């Protein structure tokens, strides 16, 4: 029997990042954390992580991604807020999360 793969992010870590102290949205946060953990495991694989756990940058990136996905529920049409100059849209990419997770322009170069 193989040991379970450790989660890249947890509900308490995401709640702490969001500064959420109540339990009203725990079910939703749990769903988001599960989806983000599955996605991060798909991106990075699980063989190397199983032995030593997730690197700190990937854990933090996963927490930030889960927090972003949780907050995104308030802007289903992509509008973050309305200001004097009109709507403020949710940005397509978050460079901080991409850098922490090593995605896109921040991906390590590979040969072959």
Protein backbone atom coordinates (compact mmCIF):
# COMPACT_ATOMS: atom_id res chain seq x y z
CA UNK A 1 0.00 0.00 0.00
CA UNK A 2 1.42 3.38 -0.97
CA UNK A 3 1.37 6.37 1.34
CA UNK A 4 -1.08 9.13 0.40
CA UNK A 5 0.37 12.12 -1.42
CA UNK A 6 0.52 15.16 0.86
CA UNK A 7 -1.75 18.01 -0.17
CA UNK A 8 -0.12 21.08 -1.71
CA UNK A 9 -2.54 23.31 0.20
CA UNK A 10 -4.99 22.84 3.04
CA UNK A 11 -8.26 24.43 4.10
CA UNK A 12 -6.69 26.04 7.21
CA UNK A 13 -3.86 27.52 5.11
CA UNK A 14 -6.29 28.99 2.58
CA UNK A 15 -8.55 30.37 5.32
CA UNK A 16 -5.54 31.96 7.01
CA UNK A 17 -4.44 33.51 3.72
CA UNK A 18 -7.93 34.92 3.18
CA UNK A 19 -8.28 35.88 6.86
CA UNK A 20 -11.54 33.93 7.05
CA UNK A 21 -12.34 32.90 10.61
CA UNK A 22 -15.92 31.67 10.37
CA UNK A 23 -17.06 28.30 9.07
CA UNK A 24 -19.84 29.52 6.75
CA UNK A 25 -17.93 28.73 3.53
CA UNK A 26 -15.91 25.73 4.70
CA UNK A 27 -17.63 23.39 2.23
CA UNK A 28 -16.85 25.70 -0.69
CA UNK A 29 -13.25 26.23 0.44
CA UNK A 30 -12.85 22.45 0.85
CA UNK A 31 -14.06 21.93 -2.74
CA UNK A 32 -11.69 24.61 -4.07
CA UNK A 33 -8.73 23.16 -2.12
CA UNK A 34 -9.45 19.69 -3.51
CA UNK A 35 -9.61 21.02 -7.08
CA UNK A 36 -6.39 23.03 -6.70
CA UNK A 37 -4.56 20.08 -5.12
CA UNK A 38 -5.63 17.86 -8.03
CA UNK A 39 -4.53 20.48 -10.56
CA UNK A 40 -1.15 21.08 -8.92
CA UNK A 41 -0.53 17.33 -8.70
CA UNK A 42 -1.40 17.04 -12.41
CA UNK A 43 0.99 19.88 -13.30
CA UNK A 44 3.94 18.64 -11.29
CA UNK A 45 3.34 14.92 -10.90
CA UNK A 46 3.41 13.18 -7.56
CA UNK A 47 6.39 10.80 -7.64
CA UNK A 48 9.03 13.31 -6.55
CA UNK A 49 6.68 15.07 -4.13
CA UNK A 50 5.64 11.88 -2.33
CA UNK A 51 9.07 11.42 -0.79
CA UNK A 52 9.82 14.89 0.53
CA UNK A 53 6.63 16.90 0.38
CA UNK A 54 5.92 19.97 -1.72
CA UNK A 55 8.53 22.70 -2.09
CA UNK A 56 7.59 25.85 -0.16
CA UNK A 57 7.08 27.90 -3.33
CA UNK A 58 4.60 25.37 -4.73
CA UNK A 59 2.73 25.17 -1.41
CA UNK A 60 2.42 28.97 -1.27
CA UNK A 61 1.45 29.15 -4.94
CA UNK A 62 -1.24 26.51 -4.40
CA UNK A 63 -2.63 28.41 -1.40
CA UNK A 64 -2.70 31.66 -3.40
CA UNK A 65 -4.35 29.92 -6.36
CA UNK A 66 -7.00 28.38 -4.10
CA UNK A 67 -7.67 31.78 -2.51
CA UNK A 68 -7.98 33.34 -5.96
CA UNK A 69 -10.39 30.64 -7.17
CA UNK A 70 -12.46 31.03 -3.97
CA UNK A 71 -12.63 34.82 -4.41
CA UNK A 72 -13.51 34.37 -8.10
CA UNK A 73 -16.97 33.14 -7.09
CA UNK A 74 -17.85 36.82 -6.46
CA UNK A 75 -17.03 37.77 -10.05
CA UNK A 76 -18.54 35.12 -12.33
CA UNK A 77 -18.63 37.48 -15.32
CA UNK A 78 -15.03 38.61 -14.78
CA UNK A 79 -15.88 41.99 -13.24
CA UNK A 80 -14.04 42.58 -9.96
CA UNK A 81 -15.63 45.94 -9.16
CA UNK A 82 -17.22 49.02 -10.66
CA UNK A 83 -15.41 52.32 -10.26
CA UNK A 84 -15.72 55.86 -11.55
CA UNK A 85 -14.03 54.88 -14.79
CA UNK A 86 -16.16 51.80 -15.35
CA UNK A 87 -15.69 48.11 -14.62
CA UNK A 88 -12.45 46.69 -13.25
CA UNK A 89 -11.93 43.21 -14.66
CA UNK A 90 -10.22 40.23 -13.07
CA UNK A 91 -6.81 39.86 -14.65
CA UNK A 92 -6.33 36.85 -16.87
CA UNK A 93 -3.05 35.79 -15.25
CA UNK A 94 -1.52 36.35 -11.85
CA UNK A 95 2.26 36.67 -12.23
CA UNK A 96 2.89 36.02 -8.51
CA UNK A 97 1.13 32.66 -8.66
CA UNK A 98 2.82 31.80 -11.97
CA UNK A 99 6.24 32.59 -10.50
CA UNK A 100 5.64 30.53 -7.36
CA UNK A 101 4.36 27.57 -9.34
CA UNK A 102 6.92 27.94 -12.14
CA UNK A 103 4.33 28.28 -14.89
CA UNK A 104 4.33 30.10 -18.23
CA UNK A 105 7.19 32.55 -18.55
CA UNK A 106 8.51 31.34 -15.18
CA UNK A 107 8.80 27.71 -16.25
CA UNK A 108 12.29 26.26 -15.98
CA UNK A 109 13.88 25.68 -19.37
CA UNK A 110 14.08 22.04 -20.42
CA UNK A 111 15.92 20.27 -23.17
CA UNK A 112 14.34 17.52 -25.22
